[in-house]
PDB file of N, CA and C in Angstrom:
ATOM      1  N   UNK A   1      -6.645  11.092  -8.451  1.00  0.00           N
ATOM      2  CA  UNK A   1      -6.801  10.467  -7.159  1.00  0.00           C
ATOM      3  C   UNK A   1      -5.483  10.603  -6.406  1.00  0.00           C
ATOM      4  N   UNK A   2      -5.605  10.966  -5.197  1.00  0.00           N
ATOM      5  CA  UNK A   2      -4.417  11.093  -4.328  1.00  0.00           C
ATOM      6  C   UNK A   2      -4.456   9.986  -3.315  1.00  0.00           C
ATOM      7  N   UNK A   3      -3.312   9.322  -3.089  1.00  0.00           N
ATOM      8  CA  UNK A   3      -3.329   8.217  -2.083  1.00  0.00           C
ATOM      9  C   UNK A   3      -3.609   8.755  -0.693  1.00  0.00           C
ATOM     10  N   UNK A   4      -3.284  10.053  -0.458  1.00  0.00           N
ATOM     11  CA  UNK A   4      -3.499  10.673   0.852  1.00  0.00           C
ATOM     12  C   UNK A   4      -4.963  10.649   1.255  1.00  0.00           C
ATOM     13  N   UNK A   5      -5.864  10.548   0.260  1.00  0.00           N
ATOM     14  CA  UNK A   5      -7.325  10.506   0.601  1.00  0.00           C
ATOM     15  C   UNK A   5      -7.744   9.138   1.026  1.00  0.00           C
ATOM     16  N   UNK A   6      -6.923   8.111   0.802  1.00  0.00           N
ATOM     17  CA  UNK A   6      -7.338   6.730   1.022  1.00  0.00           C
ATOM     18  C   UNK A   6      -6.446   5.953   1.976  1.00  0.00           C
ATOM     19  N   UNK A   7      -5.201   6.350   2.191  1.00  0.00           N
ATOM     20  CA  UNK A   7      -4.266   5.652   3.006  1.00  0.00           C
ATOM     21  C   UNK A   7      -3.993   6.458   4.269  1.00  0.00           C
ATOM     22  N   UNK A   8      -4.099   5.786   5.442  1.00  0.00           N
ATOM     23  CA  UNK A   8      -3.909   6.459   6.686  1.00  0.00           C
ATOM     24  C   UNK A   8      -2.892   5.700   7.542  1.00  0.00           C
ATOM     25  N   UNK A   9      -2.316   6.435   8.492  1.00  0.00           N
ATOM     26  CA  UNK A   9      -1.391   5.804   9.451  1.00  0.00           C
ATOM     27  C   UNK A   9      -1.883   6.246  10.831  1.00  0.00           C
ATOM     28  N   UNK A  10      -2.283   5.268  11.629  1.00  0.00           N
ATOM     29  CA  UNK A  10      -2.827   5.526  12.963  1.00  0.00           C
ATOM     30  C   UNK A  10      -2.115   4.565  13.888  1.00  0.00           C
ATOM     31  N   UNK A  11      -1.419   5.044  14.900  1.00  0.00           N
ATOM     32  CA  UNK A  11      -0.690   4.119  15.804  1.00  0.00           C
ATOM     33  C   UNK A  11      -1.603   3.128  16.510  1.00  0.00           C
ATOM     34  N   UNK A  12      -2.889   3.440  16.572  1.00  0.00           N
ATOM     35  CA  UNK A  12      -3.835   2.498  17.202  1.00  0.00           C
ATOM     36  C   UNK A  12      -4.332   1.405  16.303  1.00  0.00           C
ATOM     37  N   UNK A  13      -4.031   1.511  15.028  1.00  0.00           N
ATOM     38  CA  UNK A  13      -4.487   0.496  14.028  1.00  0.00           C
ATOM     39  C   UNK A  13      -3.258  -0.229  13.438  1.00  0.00           C
ATOM     40  N   UNK A  14      -3.137  -1.510  13.635  1.00  0.00           N
ATOM     41  CA  UNK A  14      -2.047  -2.344  13.131  1.00  0.00           C
ATOM     42  C   UNK A  14      -0.669  -1.720  13.513  1.00  0.00           C
ATOM     43  N   UNK A  15      -0.555  -1.276  14.733  1.00  0.00           N
ATOM     44  CA  UNK A  15       0.665  -0.623  15.235  1.00  0.00           C
ATOM     45  C   UNK A  15       1.212   0.412  14.322  1.00  0.00           C
ATOM     46  N   UNK A  16       0.367   1.151  13.660  1.00  0.00           N
ATOM     47  CA  UNK A  16       0.821   2.282  12.823  1.00  0.00           C
ATOM     48  C   UNK A  16       1.178   1.968  11.401  1.00  0.00           C
ATOM     49  N   UNK A  17       0.976   0.711  10.972  1.00  0.00           N
ATOM     50  CA  UNK A  17       1.219   0.434   9.554  1.00  0.00           C
ATOM     51  C   UNK A  17       0.222   1.191   8.676  1.00  0.00           C
ATOM     52  N   UNK A  18       0.626   1.623   7.528  1.00  0.00           N
ATOM     53  CA  UNK A  18      -0.330   2.301   6.649  1.00  0.00           C
ATOM     54  C   UNK A  18      -1.421   1.307   6.196  1.00  0.00           C
ATOM     55  N   UNK A  19      -2.664   1.754   6.337  1.00  0.00           N
ATOM     56  CA  UNK A  19      -3.859   0.944   5.968  1.00  0.00           C
ATOM     57  C   UNK A  19      -4.815   1.766   5.081  1.00  0.00           C
ATOM     58  N   UNK A  20      -5.676   1.023   4.446  1.00  0.00           N
ATOM     59  CA  UNK A  20      -6.742   1.689   3.661  1.00  0.00           C
ATOM     60  C   UNK A  20      -7.742   2.264   4.655  1.00  0.00           C
ATOM     61  N   UNK A  21      -8.074   3.520   4.466  1.00  0.00           N
ATOM     62  CA  UNK A  21      -8.944   4.278   5.378  1.00  0.00           C
ATOM     63  C   UNK A  21     -10.203   3.474   5.675  1.00  0.00           C
ATOM     64  N   UNK A  22     -10.557   3.380   6.977  1.00  0.00           N
ATOM     65  CA  UNK A  22     -11.782   2.725   7.378  1.00  0.00           C
ATOM     66  C   UNK A  22     -11.665   1.221   7.438  1.00  0.00           C
ATOM     67  N   UNK A  23     -10.414   0.653   7.228  1.00  0.00           N
ATOM     68  CA  UNK A  23     -10.248  -0.769   7.298  1.00  0.00           C
ATOM     69  C   UNK A  23      -9.032  -1.046   8.162  1.00  0.00           C
ATOM     70  N   UNK A  24      -8.775  -2.370   8.357  1.00  0.00           N
ATOM     71  CA  UNK A  24      -7.527  -2.814   8.943  1.00  0.00           C
ATOM     72  C   UNK A  24      -6.713  -3.524   7.864  1.00  0.00           C
ATOM     73  N   UNK A  25      -6.955  -3.187   6.634  1.00  0.00           N
ATOM     74  CA  UNK A  25      -6.203  -3.845   5.515  1.00  0.00           C
ATOM     75  C   UNK A  25      -4.989  -2.976   5.203  1.00  0.00           C
ATOM     76  N   UNK A  26      -3.817  -3.554   5.365  1.00  0.00           N
ATOM     77  CA  UNK A  26      -2.568  -2.781   5.192  1.00  0.00           C
ATOM     78  C   UNK A  26      -2.182  -2.655   3.718  1.00  0.00           C
ATOM     79  N   UNK A  27      -1.520  -1.604   3.467  1.00  0.00           N
ATOM     80  CA  UNK A  27      -0.902  -1.403   2.121  1.00  0.00           C
ATOM     81  C   UNK A  27       0.021  -2.563   1.816  1.00  0.00           C
ATOM     82  N   UNK A  28       0.768  -3.020   2.813  1.00  0.00           N
ATOM     83  CA  UNK A  28       1.668  -4.111   2.654  1.00  0.00           C
ATOM     84  C   UNK A  28       0.935  -5.346   2.125  1.00  0.00           C
ATOM     85  N   UNK A  29      -0.230  -5.698   2.711  1.00  0.00           N
ATOM     86  CA  UNK A  29      -1.005  -6.825   2.268  1.00  0.00           C
ATOM     87  C   UNK A  29      -1.410  -6.752   0.794  1.00  0.00           C
ATOM     88  N   UNK A  30      -1.946  -5.565   0.390  1.00  0.00           N
ATOM     89  CA  UNK A  30      -2.353  -5.386  -0.944  1.00  0.00           C
ATOM     90  C   UNK A  30      -1.205  -5.491  -1.903  1.00  0.00           C
ATOM     91  N   UNK A  31      -0.088  -4.871  -1.603  1.00  0.00           N
ATOM     92  CA  UNK A  31       1.095  -4.963  -2.477  1.00  0.00           C
ATOM     93  C   UNK A  31       1.623  -6.368  -2.543  1.00  0.00           C
ATOM     94  N   UNK A  32       1.606  -7.113  -1.429  1.00  0.00           N
ATOM     95  CA  UNK A  32       2.065  -8.470  -1.374  1.00  0.00           C
ATOM     96  C   UNK A  32       1.147  -9.398  -2.233  1.00  0.00           C
ATOM     97  N   UNK A  33      -0.149  -9.137  -2.204  1.00  0.00           N
ATOM     98  CA  UNK A  33      -1.076  -9.959  -3.042  1.00  0.00           C
ATOM     99  C   UNK A  33      -0.809  -9.683  -4.495  1.00  0.00           C
ATOM    100  N   UNK A  34      -0.616  -8.422  -4.875  1.00  0.00           N
ATOM    101  CA  UNK A  34      -0.295  -8.123  -6.270  1.00  0.00           C
ATOM    102  C   UNK A  34       1.009  -8.749  -6.714  1.00  0.00           C
ATOM    103  N   UNK A  35       2.019  -8.680  -5.836  1.00  0.00           N
ATOM    104  CA  UNK A  35       3.302  -9.329  -6.148  1.00  0.00           C
ATOM    105  C   UNK A  35       3.215 -10.836  -6.284  1.00  0.00           C
ATOM    106  N   UNK A  36       2.245 -11.455  -5.584  1.00  0.00           N
ATOM    107  CA  UNK A  36       2.051 -12.890  -5.649  1.00  0.00           C
ATOM    108  C   UNK A  36       1.227 -13.237  -6.896  1.00  0.00           C
ATOM    109  N   UNK A  37       0.815 -12.270  -7.634  1.00  0.00           N
ATOM    110  CA  UNK A  37       0.136 -12.577  -8.885  1.00  0.00           C
ATOM    111  C   UNK A  37      -1.365 -12.405  -8.863  1.00  0.00           C
ATOM    112  N   UNK A  38      -1.910 -11.927  -7.715  1.00  0.00           N
ATOM    113  CA  UNK A  38      -3.350 -11.724  -7.638  1.00  0.00           C
ATOM    114  C   UNK A  38      -3.701 -10.545  -8.614  1.00  0.00           C
ATOM    115  N   UNK A  39      -4.866 -10.654  -9.206  1.00  0.00           N
ATOM    116  CA  UNK A  39      -5.349  -9.518 -10.026  1.00  0.00           C
ATOM    117  C   UNK A  39      -6.129  -8.597  -9.134  1.00  0.00           C
ATOM    118  N   UNK A  40      -6.411  -7.405  -9.645  1.00  0.00           N
ATOM    119  CA  UNK A  40      -7.236  -6.452  -8.881  1.00  0.00           C
ATOM    120  C   UNK A  40      -8.575  -7.109  -8.605  1.00  0.00           C
ATOM    121  N   UNK A  41      -9.140  -7.770  -9.595  1.00  0.00           N
ATOM    122  CA  UNK A  41     -10.458  -8.371  -9.444  1.00  0.00           C
ATOM    123  C   UNK A  41     -10.410  -9.441  -8.303  1.00  0.00           C
ATOM    124  N   UNK A  42      -9.389 -10.215  -8.204  1.00  0.00           N
ATOM    125  CA  UNK A  42      -9.284 -11.223  -7.147  1.00  0.00           C
ATOM    126  C   UNK A  42      -9.220 -10.553  -5.757  1.00  0.00           C
ATOM    127  N   UNK A  43      -8.491  -9.487  -5.659  1.00  0.00           N
ATOM    128  CA  UNK A  43      -8.406  -8.735  -4.401  1.00  0.00           C
ATOM    129  C   UNK A  43      -9.777  -8.134  -4.023  1.00  0.00           C
ATOM    130  N   UNK A  44     -10.424  -7.580  -5.026  1.00  0.00           N
ATOM    131  CA  UNK A  44     -11.731  -6.954  -4.721  1.00  0.00           C
ATOM    132  C   UNK A  44     -12.805  -8.026  -4.367  1.00  0.00           C
ATOM    133  N   UNK A  45     -12.654  -9.170  -4.962  1.00  0.00           N
ATOM    134  CA  UNK A  45     -13.586 -10.271  -4.569  1.00  0.00           C
ATOM    135  C   UNK A  45     -13.308 -10.775  -3.194  1.00  0.00           C
ATOM    136  N   UNK A  46     -12.095 -10.940  -2.797  1.00  0.00           N
ATOM    137  CA  UNK A  46     -11.697 -11.466  -1.519  1.00  0.00           C
ATOM    138  C   UNK A  46     -11.894 -10.394  -0.420  1.00  0.00           C
ATOM    139  N   UNK A  47     -11.783  -9.154  -0.754  1.00  0.00           N
ATOM    140  CA  UNK A  47     -11.936  -8.061   0.235  1.00  0.00           C
ATOM    141  C   UNK A  47     -12.948  -7.035  -0.371  1.00  0.00           C
ATOM    142  N   UNK A  48     -14.245  -7.412  -0.283  1.00  0.00           N
ATOM    143  CA  UNK A  48     -15.245  -6.626  -1.002  1.00  0.00           C
ATOM    144  C   UNK A  48     -15.462  -5.178  -0.463  1.00  0.00           C
ATOM    145  N   UNK A  49     -14.966  -4.872   0.690  1.00  0.00           N
ATOM    146  CA  UNK A  49     -15.022  -3.520   1.161  1.00  0.00           C
ATOM    147  C   UNK A  49     -13.944  -2.602   0.527  1.00  0.00           C
ATOM    148  N   UNK A  50     -13.029  -3.182  -0.219  1.00  0.00           N
ATOM    149  CA  UNK A  50     -12.027  -2.403  -0.942  1.00  0.00           C
ATOM    150  C   UNK A  50     -12.569  -1.975  -2.294  1.00  0.00           C
ATOM    151  N   UNK A  51     -12.056  -0.896  -2.815  1.00  0.00           N
ATOM    152  CA  UNK A  51     -12.430  -0.468  -4.160  1.00  0.00           C
ATOM    153  C   UNK A  51     -11.204  -0.476  -5.069  1.00  0.00           C
ATOM    154  N   UNK A  52     -11.469  -0.422  -6.332  1.00  0.00           N
ATOM    155  CA  UNK A  52     -10.354  -0.346  -7.300  1.00  0.00           C
ATOM    156  C   UNK A  52      -9.450   0.892  -6.978  1.00  0.00           C
ATOM    157  N   UNK A  53     -10.024   1.954  -6.519  1.00  0.00           N
ATOM    158  CA  UNK A  53      -9.278   3.166  -6.132  1.00  0.00           C
ATOM    159  C   UNK A  53      -8.392   2.880  -4.966  1.00  0.00           C
ATOM    160  N   UNK A  54      -8.898   2.083  -4.032  1.00  0.00           N
ATOM    161  CA  UNK A  54      -8.094   1.732  -2.824  1.00  0.00           C
ATOM    162  C   UNK A  54      -6.834   0.961  -3.263  1.00  0.00           C
ATOM    163  N   UNK A  55      -7.009  -0.003  -4.183  1.00  0.00           N
ATOM    164  CA  UNK A  55      -5.859  -0.813  -4.659  1.00  0.00           C
ATOM    165  C   UNK A  55      -4.827   0.090  -5.365  1.00  0.00           C
ATOM    166  N   UNK A  56      -5.348   0.989  -6.181  1.00  0.00           N
ATOM    167  CA  UNK A  56      -4.432   1.944  -6.858  1.00  0.00           C
ATOM    168  C   UNK A  56      -3.717   2.878  -5.848  1.00  0.00           C
ATOM    169  N   UNK A  57      -4.456   3.259  -4.777  1.00  0.00           N
ATOM    170  CA  UNK A  57      -3.869   4.125  -3.808  1.00  0.00           C
ATOM    171  C   UNK A  57      -2.697   3.404  -3.072  1.00  0.00           C
ATOM    172  N   UNK A  58      -2.873   2.102  -2.835  1.00  0.00           N
ATOM    173  CA  UNK A  58      -1.793   1.314  -2.173  1.00  0.00           C
ATOM    174  C   UNK A  58      -0.613   1.286  -3.004  1.00  0.00           C
ATOM    175  N   UNK A  59      -0.752   1.101  -4.353  1.00  0.00           N
ATOM    176  CA  UNK A  59       0.407   1.129  -5.257  1.00  0.00           C
ATOM    177  C   UNK A  59       1.009   2.496  -5.326  1.00  0.00           C
ATOM    178  N   UNK A  60       0.238   3.523  -5.357  1.00  0.00           N
ATOM    179  CA  UNK A  60       0.736   4.866  -5.431  1.00  0.00           C
ATOM    180  C   UNK A  60       1.532   5.227  -4.145  1.00  0.00           C
ATOM    181  N   UNK A  61       1.011   4.784  -3.047  1.00  0.00           N
ATOM    182  CA  UNK A  61       1.715   4.996  -1.733  1.00  0.00           C
ATOM    183  C   UNK A  61       3.069   4.326  -1.763  1.00  0.00           C
ATOM    184  N   UNK A  62       3.102   3.048  -2.171  1.00  0.00           N
ATOM    185  CA  UNK A  62       4.335   2.278  -2.238  1.00  0.00           C
ATOM    186  C   UNK A  62       5.312   2.930  -3.230  1.00  0.00           C
ATOM    187  N   UNK A  63       4.825   3.364  -4.349  1.00  0.00           N
ATOM    188  CA  UNK A  63       5.655   4.029  -5.387  1.00  0.00           C
ATOM    189  C   UNK A  63       6.296   5.286  -4.808  1.00  0.00           C
ATOM    190  N   UNK A  64       5.528   6.074  -4.097  1.00  0.00           N
ATOM    191  CA  UNK A  64       6.037   7.302  -3.517  1.00  0.00           C
ATOM    192  C   UNK A  64       7.148   7.018  -2.513  1.00  0.00           C
ATOM    193  N   UNK A  65       6.937   6.008  -1.681  1.00  0.00           N
ATOM    194  CA  UNK A  65       7.977   5.628  -0.714  1.00  0.00           C
ATOM    195  C   UNK A  65       9.289   5.282  -1.438  1.00  0.00           C
ATOM    196  N   UNK A  66       9.212   4.544  -2.480  1.00  0.00           N
ATOM    197  CA  UNK A  66      10.383   4.136  -3.181  1.00  0.00           C
ATOM    198  C   UNK A  66      11.026   5.322  -3.905  1.00  0.00           C
ATOM    199  N   UNK A  67      10.216   6.218  -4.393  1.00  0.00           N
ATOM    200  CA  UNK A  67      10.726   7.424  -5.079  1.00  0.00           C
ATOM    201  C   UNK A  67      11.566   8.308  -4.068  1.00  0.00           C
ATOM    202  N   UNK A  68      11.079   8.310  -2.871  1.00  0.00           N
ATOM    203  CA  UNK A  68      11.732   9.183  -1.801  1.00  0.00           C
ATOM    204  C   UNK A  68      12.918   8.486  -1.163  1.00  0.00           C
ATOM    205  N   UNK A  69      13.081   7.170  -1.432  1.00  0.00           N
ATOM    206  CA  UNK A  69      14.181   6.423  -0.788  1.00  0.00           C
ATOM    207  C   UNK A  69      15.518   6.995  -1.249  1.00  0.00           C
ATOM    208  N   UNK A  70      16.399   7.193  -0.334  1.00  0.00           N
ATOM    209  CA  UNK A  70      17.766   7.672  -0.662  1.00  0.00           C
ATOM    210  C   UNK A  70      18.700   6.498  -0.622  1.00  0.00           C
ATOM    211  N   UNK A  71      19.506   6.430  -1.680  1.00  0.00           N
ATOM    212  CA  UNK A  71      20.456   5.350  -1.786  1.00  0.00           C
ATOM    213  C   UNK A  71      21.864   5.976  -1.825  1.00  0.00           C
ATOM    214  N   UNK A  72      22.721   5.499  -0.982  1.00  0.00           N
ATOM    215  CA  UNK A  72      24.113   6.032  -0.983  1.00  0.00           C
ATOM    216  C   UNK A  72      25.053   4.958  -1.447  1.00  0.00           C
ATOM    217  N   UNK A  73      25.750   5.157  -2.560  1.00  0.00           N
ATOM    218  CA  UNK A  73      26.666   4.130  -3.058  1.00  0.00           C
ATOM    219  C   UNK A  73      27.839   3.943  -2.071  1.00  0.00           C
ATOM    220  N   UNK A  74      28.291   2.709  -2.012  1.00  0.00           N
ATOM    221  CA  UNK A  74      29.455   2.406  -1.216  1.00  0.00           C
ATOM    222  C   UNK A  74      30.702   2.970  -1.870  1.00  0.00           C
ATOM    223  N   UNK A  75      31.632   3.377  -1.067  1.00  0.00           N
ATOM    224  CA  UNK A  75      32.917   3.886  -1.634  1.00  0.00           C
ATOM    225  C   UNK A  75      33.724   2.733  -2.133  1.00  0.00           C
ATOM    226  N   UNK A  76      34.283   2.875  -3.308  1.00  0.00           N
ATOM    227  CA  UNK A  76      35.142   1.839  -3.840  1.00  0.00           C
ATOM    228  C   UNK A  76      36.415   1.697  -2.971  1.00  0.00           C
ATOM    229  N   UNK A  77      36.782   0.498  -2.745  1.00  0.00           N
ATOM    230  CA  UNK A  77      38.009   0.280  -1.915  1.00  0.00           C
ATOM    231  C   UNK A  77      39.121  -0.279  -2.752  1.00  0.00           C
TER     232      UNK A  77
END
């Protein structure tokens, strides 16, 4: 499964935040719910139009963003 099949960015939807395709549910919301301790089952019950694959795609998207993040160490003074 590729997150690119399920996550879209459209400036007309939630001001361009990444969302699950066909919804207005942001990747940020899904990741925040998981960070708050929600299980996949709780998310799917609360948002029945999401699938398990959508939840995984949100995590995969977030993981890729972090993997691509560049960190520059501060120079020692």
